[in-house]
All heavy atoms as atom14 arrays in JSON, in Angstrom:
{
  "sequence": "KIAGGMDTAQTAFELAITPGTVNVQLANMGRKLGVSG",
  "atom14_mask": [
    [1, 1, 1, 1, 1, 1, 1, 1, 1, 0, 0, 0, 0, 0],
    [1, 1, 1, 1, 1, 1, 1, 1, 0, 0, 0, 0, 0, 0],
    [1, 1, 1, 1, 1, 0, 0, 0, 0, 0, 0, 0, 0, 0],
    [1, 1, 1, 1, 0, 0, 0, 0, 0, 0, 0, 0, 0, 0],
    [1, 1, 1, 1, 0, 0, 0, 0, 0, 0, 0, 0, 0, 0],
    [1, 1, 1, 1, 1, 1, 1, 1, 0, 0, 0, 0, 0, 0],
    [1, 1, 1, 1, 1, 1, 1, 1, 0, 0, 0, 0, 0, 0],
    [1, 1, 1, 1, 1, 1, 1, 0, 0, 0, 0, 0, 0, 0],
    [1, 1, 1, 1, 1, 0, 0, 0, 0, 0, 0, 0, 0, 0],
    [1, 1, 1, 1, 1, 1, 1, 1, 1, 0, 0, 0, 0, 0],
    [1, 1, 1, 1, 1, 1, 1, 0, 0, 0, 0, 0, 0, 0],
    [1, 1, 1, 1, 1, 0, 0, 0, 0, 0, 0, 0, 0, 0],
    [1, 1, 1, 1, 1, 1, 1, 1, 1, 1, 1, 0, 0, 0],
    [1, 1, 1, 1, 1, 1, 1, 1, 1, 0, 0, 0, 0, 0],
    [1, 1, 1, 1, 1, 1, 1, 1, 0, 0, 0, 0, 0, 0],
    [1, 1, 1, 1, 1, 0, 0, 0, 0, 0, 0, 0, 0, 0],
    [1, 1, 1, 1, 1, 1, 1, 1, 0, 0, 0, 0, 0, 0],
    [1, 1, 1, 1, 1, 1, 1, 0, 0, 0, 0, 0, 0, 0],
    [1, 1, 1, 1, 1, 1, 1, 0, 0, 0, 0, 0, 0, 0],
    [1, 1, 1, 1, 0, 0, 0, 0, 0, 0, 0, 0, 0, 0],
    [1, 1, 1, 1, 1, 1, 1, 0, 0, 0, 0, 0, 0, 0],
    [1, 1, 1, 1, 1, 1, 1, 0, 0, 0, 0, 0, 0, 0],
    [1, 1, 1, 1, 1, 1, 1, 1, 0, 0, 0, 0, 0, 0],
    [1, 1, 1, 1, 1, 1, 1, 0, 0, 0, 0, 0, 0, 0],
    [1, 1, 1, 1, 1, 1, 1, 1, 1, 0, 0, 0, 0, 0],
    [1, 1, 1, 1, 1, 1, 1, 1, 0, 0, 0, 0, 0, 0],
    [1, 1, 1, 1, 1, 0, 0, 0, 0, 0, 0, 0, 0, 0],
    [1, 1, 1, 1, 1, 1, 1, 1, 0, 0, 0, 0, 0, 0],
    [1, 1, 1, 1, 1, 1, 1, 1, 0, 0, 0, 0, 0, 0],
    [1, 1, 1, 1, 0, 0, 0, 0, 0, 0, 0, 0, 0, 0],
    [1, 1, 1, 1, 1, 1, 1, 1, 1, 1, 1, 0, 0, 0],
    [1, 1, 1, 1, 1, 1, 1, 1, 1, 0, 0, 0, 0, 0],
    [1, 1, 1, 1, 1, 1, 1, 1, 0, 0, 0, 0, 0, 0],
    [1, 1, 1, 1, 0, 0, 0, 0, 0, 0, 0, 0, 0, 0],
    [1, 1, 1, 1, 1, 1, 1, 0, 0, 0, 0, 0, 0, 0],
    [1, 1, 1, 1, 1, 1, 0, 0, 0, 0, 0, 0, 0, 0],
    [1, 1, 1, 1, 0, 0, 0, 0, 0, 0, 0, 0, 0, 0]
  ],
  "atom14_positions": [
    [[-56.06, -12.42, 50.2], [-55.98, -13.72, 49.51], [-55.14, -13.61, 48.25], [-54.29, -14.46, 47.99], [-57.39, -14.25, 49.16], [-58.27, -14.51, 50.35], [-57.76, -15.65, 51.19], [-58.74, -15.96, 52.32], [-58.19, -16.93, 53.26], [0.0, 0.0, 0.0], [0.0, 0.0, 0.0], [0.0, 0.0, 0.0], [0.0, 0.0, 0.0], [0.0, 0.0, 0.0]],
    [[-55.35, -12.56, 47.47], [-54.59, -12.36, 46.24], [-53.11, -12.14, 46.58], [-52.22, -12.69, 45.94], [-55.16, -11.18, 45.42], [-56.61, -11.47, 44.99], [-54.28, -10.84, 44.23], [-56.82, -12.66, 44.08], [0.0, 0.0, 0.0], [0.0, 0.0, 0.0], [0.0, 0.0, 0.0], [0.0, 0.0, 0.0], [0.0, 0.0, 0.0], [0.0, 0.0, 0.0]],
    [[-52.84, -11.34, 47.6], [-51.46, -11.08, 48.03], [-50.77, -12.37, 48.48], [-49.56, -12.53, 48.32], [-51.44, -10.05, 49.16], [0.0, 0.0, 0.0], [0.0, 0.0, 0.0], [0.0, 0.0, 0.0], [0.0, 0.0, 0.0], [0.0, 0.0, 0.0], [0.0, 0.0, 0.0], [0.0, 0.0, 0.0], [0.0, 0.0, 0.0], [0.0, 0.0, 0.0]],
    [[-51.55, -13.29, 49.03], [-51.01, -14.56, 49.49], [-50.8, -15.58, 48.39], [-50.32, -16.68, 48.65], [0.0, 0.0, 0.0], [0.0, 0.0, 0.0], [0.0, 0.0, 0.0], [0.0, 0.0, 0.0], [0.0, 0.0, 0.0], [0.0, 0.0, 0.0], [0.0, 0.0, 0.0], [0.0, 0.0, 0.0], [0.0, 0.0, 0.0], [0.0, 0.0, 0.0]],
    [[-51.15, -15.22, 47.18], [-50.88, -16.09, 46.05], [-52.07, -16.84, 45.5], [-51.92, -17.66, 44.59], [0.0, 0.0, 0.0], [0.0, 0.0, 0.0], [0.0, 0.0, 0.0], [0.0, 0.0, 0.0], [0.0, 0.0, 0.0], [0.0, 0.0, 0.0], [0.0, 0.0, 0.0], [0.0, 0.0, 0.0], [0.0, 0.0, 0.0], [0.0, 0.0, 0.0]],
    [[-53.26, -16.58, 46.02], [-54.44, -17.27, 45.51], [-54.91, -16.65, 44.2], [-54.8, -15.44, 44.01], [-55.57, -17.23, 46.52], [-55.33, -18.08, 47.73], [-56.82, -18.15, 48.74], [-56.27, -19.26, 50.0], [0.0, 0.0, 0.0], [0.0, 0.0, 0.0], [0.0, 0.0, 0.0], [0.0, 0.0, 0.0], [0.0, 0.0, 0.0], [0.0, 0.0, 0.0]],
    [[-55.46, -17.5, 43.32], [-56.06, -16.99, 42.1], [-57.53, -16.68, 42.36], [-58.02, -16.82, 43.49], [-55.86, -17.97, 40.93], [-56.56, -19.32, 41.13], [-57.5, -19.43, 41.95], [-56.16, -20.27, 40.44], [0.0, 0.0, 0.0], [0.0, 0.0, 0.0], [0.0, 0.0, 0.0], [0.0, 0.0, 0.0], [0.0, 0.0, 0.0], [0.0, 0.0, 0.0]],
    [[-58.23, -16.28, 41.32], [-59.64, -15.89, 41.47], [-60.49, -17.03, 42.01], [-61.27, -16.84, 42.95], [-60.2, -15.41, 40.12], [-59.43, -14.28, 39.69], [-61.66, -15.0, 40.22], [0.0, 0.0, 0.0], [0.0, 0.0, 0.0], [0.0, 0.0, 0.0], [0.0, 0.0, 0.0], [0.0, 0.0, 0.0], [0.0, 0.0, 0.0], [0.0, 0.0, 0.0]],
    [[-60.34, -18.21, 41.44], [-61.16, -19.35, 41.86], [-60.87, -19.74, 43.31], [-61.81, -20.0, 44.08], [-60.93, -20.54, 40.93], [0.0, 0.0, 0.0], [0.0, 0.0, 0.0], [0.0, 0.0, 0.0], [0.0, 0.0, 0.0], [0.0, 0.0, 0.0], [0.0, 0.0, 0.0], [0.0, 0.0, 0.0], [0.0, 0.0, 0.0], [0.0, 0.0, 0.0]],
    [[-59.61, -19.78, 43.68], [-59.25, -20.12, 45.06], [-59.79, -19.08, 46.04], [-60.31, -19.43, 47.11], [-57.73, -20.22, 45.21], [-57.11, -21.37, 44.46], [-55.6, -21.23, 44.36], [-55.06, -20.14, 44.22], [-54.91, -22.37, 44.43], [0.0, 0.0, 0.0], [0.0, 0.0, 0.0], [0.0, 0.0, 0.0], [0.0, 0.0, 0.0], [0.0, 0.0, 0.0]],
    [[-59.66, -17.82, 45.68], [-60.15, -16.73, 46.53], [-61.65, -16.84, 46.7], [-62.17, -16.74, 47.82], [-59.75, -15.37, 45.95], [-58.32, -15.3, 45.87], [-60.27, -14.22, 46.78], [0.0, 0.0, 0.0], [0.0, 0.0, 0.0], [0.0, 0.0, 0.0], [0.0, 0.0, 0.0], [0.0, 0.0, 0.0], [0.0, 0.0, 0.0], [0.0, 0.0, 0.0]],
    [[-62.36, -17.06, 45.6], [-63.81, -17.18, 45.66], [-64.21, -18.35, 46.55], [-65.1, -18.21, 47.4], [-64.38, -17.36, 44.25], [0.0, 0.0, 0.0], [0.0, 0.0, 0.0], [0.0, 0.0, 0.0], [0.0, 0.0, 0.0], [0.0, 0.0, 0.0], [0.0, 0.0, 0.0], [0.0, 0.0, 0.0], [0.0, 0.0, 0.0], [0.0, 0.0, 0.0]],
    [[-63.55, -19.47, 46.39], [-63.87, -20.65, 47.19], [-63.63, -20.38, 48.68], [-64.48, -20.65, 49.51], [-63.04, -21.85, 46.73], [-63.29, -23.09, 47.53], [-64.42, -23.87, 47.3], [-62.42, -23.47, 48.53], [-64.67, -25.01, 48.05], [-62.66, -24.61, 49.29], [-63.78, -25.38, 49.06], [0.0, 0.0, 0.0], [0.0, 0.0, 0.0], [0.0, 0.0, 0.0]],
    [[-62.46, -19.83, 48.99], [-62.09, -19.55, 50.39], [-63.06, -18.57, 51.06], [-63.33, -18.69, 52.25], [-60.68, -18.98, 50.47], [-59.59, -19.99, 50.22], [-59.25, -20.82, 51.44], [-59.25, -20.26, 52.56], [-59.0, -22.01, 51.27], [0.0, 0.0, 0.0], [0.0, 0.0, 0.0], [0.0, 0.0, 0.0], [0.0, 0.0, 0.0], [0.0, 0.0, 0.0]],
    [[-63.52, -17.59, 50.3], [-64.38, -16.56, 50.87], [-65.87, -16.83, 50.65], [-66.71, -16.01, 51.05], [-64.01, -15.19, 50.28], [-62.59, -14.71, 50.58], [-62.31, -13.38, 49.87], [-62.36, -14.58, 52.08], [0.0, 0.0, 0.0], [0.0, 0.0, 0.0], [0.0, 0.0, 0.0], [0.0, 0.0, 0.0], [0.0, 0.0, 0.0], [0.0, 0.0, 0.0]],
    [[-66.18, -17.96, 50.0], [-67.57, -18.35, 49.73], [-68.32, -17.27, 48.95], [-69.44, -16.88, 49.29], [-68.3, -18.7, 51.02], [0.0, 0.0, 0.0], [0.0, 0.0, 0.0], [0.0, 0.0, 0.0], [0.0, 0.0, 0.0], [0.0, 0.0, 0.0], [0.0, 0.0, 0.0], [0.0, 0.0, 0.0], [0.0, 0.0, 0.0], [0.0, 0.0, 0.0]],
    [[-67.65, -16.77, 47.9], [-68.26, -15.81, 46.99], [-68.01, -16.31, 45.57], [-67.3, -17.29, 45.37], [-67.68, -14.37, 47.18], [-66.15, -14.35, 46.98], [-68.06, -13.83, 48.56], [-65.52, -12.98, 47.11], [0.0, 0.0, 0.0], [0.0, 0.0, 0.0], [0.0, 0.0, 0.0], [0.0, 0.0, 0.0], [0.0, 0.0, 0.0], [0.0, 0.0, 0.0]],
    [[-68.57, -15.64, 44.59], [-68.38, -16.08, 43.21], [-67.1, -15.49, 42.64], [-66.64, -14.42, 43.1], [-69.56, -15.65, 42.32], [-69.53, -14.22, 42.18], [-70.89, -16.11, 42.88], [0.0, 0.0, 0.0], [0.0, 0.0, 0.0], [0.0, 0.0, 0.0], [0.0, 0.0, 0.0], [0.0, 0.0, 0.0], [0.0, 0.0, 0.0], [0.0, 0.0, 0.0]],
    [[-66.53, -16.15, 41.62], [-65.36, -15.56, 40.95], [-65.67, -14.17, 40.37], [-64.81, -13.29, 40.39], [-65.04, -16.57, 39.84], [-65.56, -17.87, 40.37], [-66.81, -17.5, 41.14], [0.0, 0.0, 0.0], [0.0, 0.0, 0.0], [0.0, 0.0, 0.0], [0.0, 0.0, 0.0], [0.0, 0.0, 0.0], [0.0, 0.0, 0.0], [0.0, 0.0, 0.0]],
    [[-66.9, -13.98, 39.91], [-67.28, -12.66, 39.39], [-67.21, -11.59, 40.47], [-66.79, -10.46, 40.2], [0.0, 0.0, 0.0], [0.0, 0.0, 0.0], [0.0, 0.0, 0.0], [0.0, 0.0, 0.0], [0.0, 0.0, 0.0], [0.0, 0.0, 0.0], [0.0, 0.0, 0.0], [0.0, 0.0, 0.0], [0.0, 0.0, 0.0], [0.0, 0.0, 0.0]],
    [[-67.61, -11.95, 41.68], [-67.53, -11.0, 42.8], [-66.08, -10.65, 43.1], [-65.76, -9.49, 43.37], [-68.23, -11.58, 44.05], [-69.61, -11.81, 43.72], [-68.15, -10.63, 45.22], [0.0, 0.0, 0.0], [0.0, 0.0, 0.0], [0.0, 0.0, 0.0], [0.0, 0.0, 0.0], [0.0, 0.0, 0.0], [0.0, 0.0, 0.0], [0.0, 0.0, 0.0]],
    [[-65.21, -11.64, 43.05], [-63.78, -11.37, 43.26], [-63.29, -10.36, 42.23], [-62.63, -9.37, 42.58], [-62.94, -12.67, 43.18], [-61.44, -12.36, 43.19], [-63.3, -13.62, 44.31], [0.0, 0.0, 0.0], [0.0, 0.0, 0.0], [0.0, 0.0, 0.0], [0.0, 0.0, 0.0], [0.0, 0.0, 0.0], [0.0, 0.0, 0.0], [0.0, 0.0, 0.0]],
    [[-63.63, -10.57, 40.97], [-63.18, -9.67, 39.91], [-63.76, -8.26, 40.06], [-63.06, -7.27, 39.83], [-63.5, -10.25, 38.54], [-62.64, -11.46, 38.23], [-61.49, -11.56, 38.67], [-63.19, -12.4, 37.48], [0.0, 0.0, 0.0], [0.0, 0.0, 0.0], [0.0, 0.0, 0.0], [0.0, 0.0, 0.0], [0.0, 0.0, 0.0], [0.0, 0.0, 0.0]],
    [[-65.01, -8.18, 40.46], [-65.63, -6.86, 40.7], [-64.92, -6.16, 41.85], [-64.62, -4.96, 41.78], [-67.15, -7.0, 40.95], [-67.74, -5.7, 41.5], [-67.87, -7.41, 39.68], [0.0, 0.0, 0.0], [0.0, 0.0, 0.0], [0.0, 0.0, 0.0], [0.0, 0.0, 0.0], [0.0, 0.0, 0.0], [0.0, 0.0, 0.0], [0.0, 0.0, 0.0]],
    [[-64.65, -6.91, 42.93], [-63.95, -6.31, 44.08], [-62.57, -5.81, 43.65], [-62.15, -4.72, 44.06], [-63.81, -7.34, 45.22], [-65.11, -7.72, 45.86], [-65.7, -6.63, 46.75], [-65.38, -5.46, 46.65], [-66.58, -7.03, 47.64], [0.0, 0.0, 0.0], [0.0, 0.0, 0.0], [0.0, 0.0, 0.0], [0.0, 0.0, 0.0], [0.0, 0.0, 0.0]],
    [[-61.85, -6.6, 42.85], [-60.52, -6.17, 42.39], [-60.61, -4.9, 41.54], [-59.79, -3.99, 41.7], [-59.83, -7.3, 41.61], [-59.33, -8.45, 42.48], [-59.01, -9.67, 41.62], [-58.11, -8.03, 43.28], [0.0, 0.0, 0.0], [0.0, 0.0, 0.0], [0.0, 0.0, 0.0], [0.0, 0.0, 0.0], [0.0, 0.0, 0.0], [0.0, 0.0, 0.0]],
    [[-61.58, -4.85, 40.65], [-61.75, -3.64, 39.82], [-62.05, -2.43, 40.69], [-61.47, -1.34, 40.48], [-62.87, -3.87, 38.8], [0.0, 0.0, 0.0], [0.0, 0.0, 0.0], [0.0, 0.0, 0.0], [0.0, 0.0, 0.0], [0.0, 0.0, 0.0], [0.0, 0.0, 0.0], [0.0, 0.0, 0.0], [0.0, 0.0, 0.0], [0.0, 0.0, 0.0]],
    [[-62.91, -2.6, 41.68], [-63.23, -1.49, 42.58], [-62.02, -1.08, 43.42], [-61.8, 0.11, 43.66], [-64.41, -1.86, 43.49], [-65.71, -1.92, 42.73], [-65.88, -1.31, 41.68], [-66.66, -2.7, 43.24], [0.0, 0.0, 0.0], [0.0, 0.0, 0.0], [0.0, 0.0, 0.0], [0.0, 0.0, 0.0], [0.0, 0.0, 0.0], [0.0, 0.0, 0.0]],
    [[-61.22, -2.06, 43.85], [-60.0, -1.74, 44.61], [-59.04, -0.94, 43.74], [-58.44, 0.02, 44.22], [-59.32, -3.02, 45.09], [-60.01, -3.68, 46.26], [-59.04, -5.07, 46.9], [-59.64, -6.38, 45.86], [0.0, 0.0, 0.0], [0.0, 0.0, 0.0], [0.0, 0.0, 0.0], [0.0, 0.0, 0.0], [0.0, 0.0, 0.0], [0.0, 0.0, 0.0]],
    [[-58.88, -1.33, 42.5], [-58.0, -0.6, 41.6], [-58.42, 0.85, 41.47], [-57.59, 1.77, 41.52], [0.0, 0.0, 0.0], [0.0, 0.0, 0.0], [0.0, 0.0, 0.0], [0.0, 0.0, 0.0], [0.0, 0.0, 0.0], [0.0, 0.0, 0.0], [0.0, 0.0, 0.0], [0.0, 0.0, 0.0], [0.0, 0.0, 0.0], [0.0, 0.0, 0.0]],
    [[-59.72, 1.07, 41.32], [-60.22, 2.45, 41.22], [-59.97, 3.22, 42.52], [-59.53, 4.37, 42.5], [-61.7, 2.47, 40.87], [-61.97, 2.27, 39.39], [-63.42, 2.54, 39.03], [-64.34, 1.53, 39.54], [-64.55, 0.35, 38.99], [-63.89, 0.01, 37.9], [-65.4, -0.51, 39.51], [0.0, 0.0, 0.0], [0.0, 0.0, 0.0], [0.0, 0.0, 0.0]],
    [[-60.24, 2.59, 43.64], [-60.03, 3.26, 44.93], [-58.57, 3.6, 45.18], [-58.26, 4.63, 45.76], [-60.53, 2.38, 46.08], [-62.02, 2.37, 46.25], [-62.4, 1.55, 47.46], [-63.88, 1.66, 47.76], [-64.23, 0.93, 49.0], [0.0, 0.0, 0.0], [0.0, 0.0, 0.0], [0.0, 0.0, 0.0], [0.0, 0.0, 0.0], [0.0, 0.0, 0.0]],
    [[-57.68, 2.71, 44.76], [-56.24, 2.91, 45.02], [-55.54, 3.66, 43.89], [-54.39, 4.04, 44.03], [-55.57, 1.55, 45.25], [-56.06, 0.78, 46.49], [-55.53, -0.65, 46.47], [-55.65, 1.5, 47.77], [0.0, 0.0, 0.0], [0.0, 0.0, 0.0], [0.0, 0.0, 0.0], [0.0, 0.0, 0.0], [0.0, 0.0, 0.0], [0.0, 0.0, 0.0]],
    [[-56.22, 3.84, 42.77], [-55.64, 4.57, 41.66], [-54.6, 3.8, 40.89], [-53.67, 4.38, 40.33], [0.0, 0.0, 0.0], [0.0, 0.0, 0.0], [0.0, 0.0, 0.0], [0.0, 0.0, 0.0], [0.0, 0.0, 0.0], [0.0, 0.0, 0.0], [0.0, 0.0, 0.0], [0.0, 0.0, 0.0], [0.0, 0.0, 0.0], [0.0, 0.0, 0.0]],
    [[-54.74, 2.47, 40.86], [-53.78, 1.62, 40.15], [-54.54, 0.62, 39.29], [-55.75, 0.46, 39.41], [-52.84, 0.87, 41.12], [-52.0, 1.86, 41.92], [-53.62, -0.05, 42.06], [0.0, 0.0, 0.0], [0.0, 0.0, 0.0], [0.0, 0.0, 0.0], [0.0, 0.0, 0.0], [0.0, 0.0, 0.0], [0.0, 0.0, 0.0], [0.0, 0.0, 0.0]],
    [[-53.8, -0.09, 38.45], [-54.4, -1.07, 37.58], [-53.62, -2.38, 37.66], [-52.39, -2.36, 37.61], [-54.38, -0.55, 36.13], [-54.93, -1.51, 35.27], [0.0, 0.0, 0.0], [0.0, 0.0, 0.0], [0.0, 0.0, 0.0], [0.0, 0.0, 0.0], [0.0, 0.0, 0.0], [0.0, 0.0, 0.0], [0.0, 0.0, 0.0], [0.0, 0.0, 0.0]],
    [[-54.31, -3.47, 37.8], [-53.69, -4.78, 37.84], [-53.53, -5.3, 39.27], [-53.37, -4.54, 40.22], [0.0, 0.0, 0.0], [0.0, 0.0, 0.0], [0.0, 0.0, 0.0], [0.0, 0.0, 0.0], [0.0, 0.0, 0.0], [0.0, 0.0, 0.0], [0.0, 0.0, 0.0], [0.0, 0.0, 0.0], [0.0, 0.0, 0.0], [0.0, 0.0, 0.0]]
  ]
}
């Protein structure tokens, strides 16, 4: 969703999760991939 151009709110809405969950997932992805942003 993020790669497709959606922001946090759009991603949360599309996936039926909270914006906070989107941000937590992104932080965890950054750690797993060894990158930031």
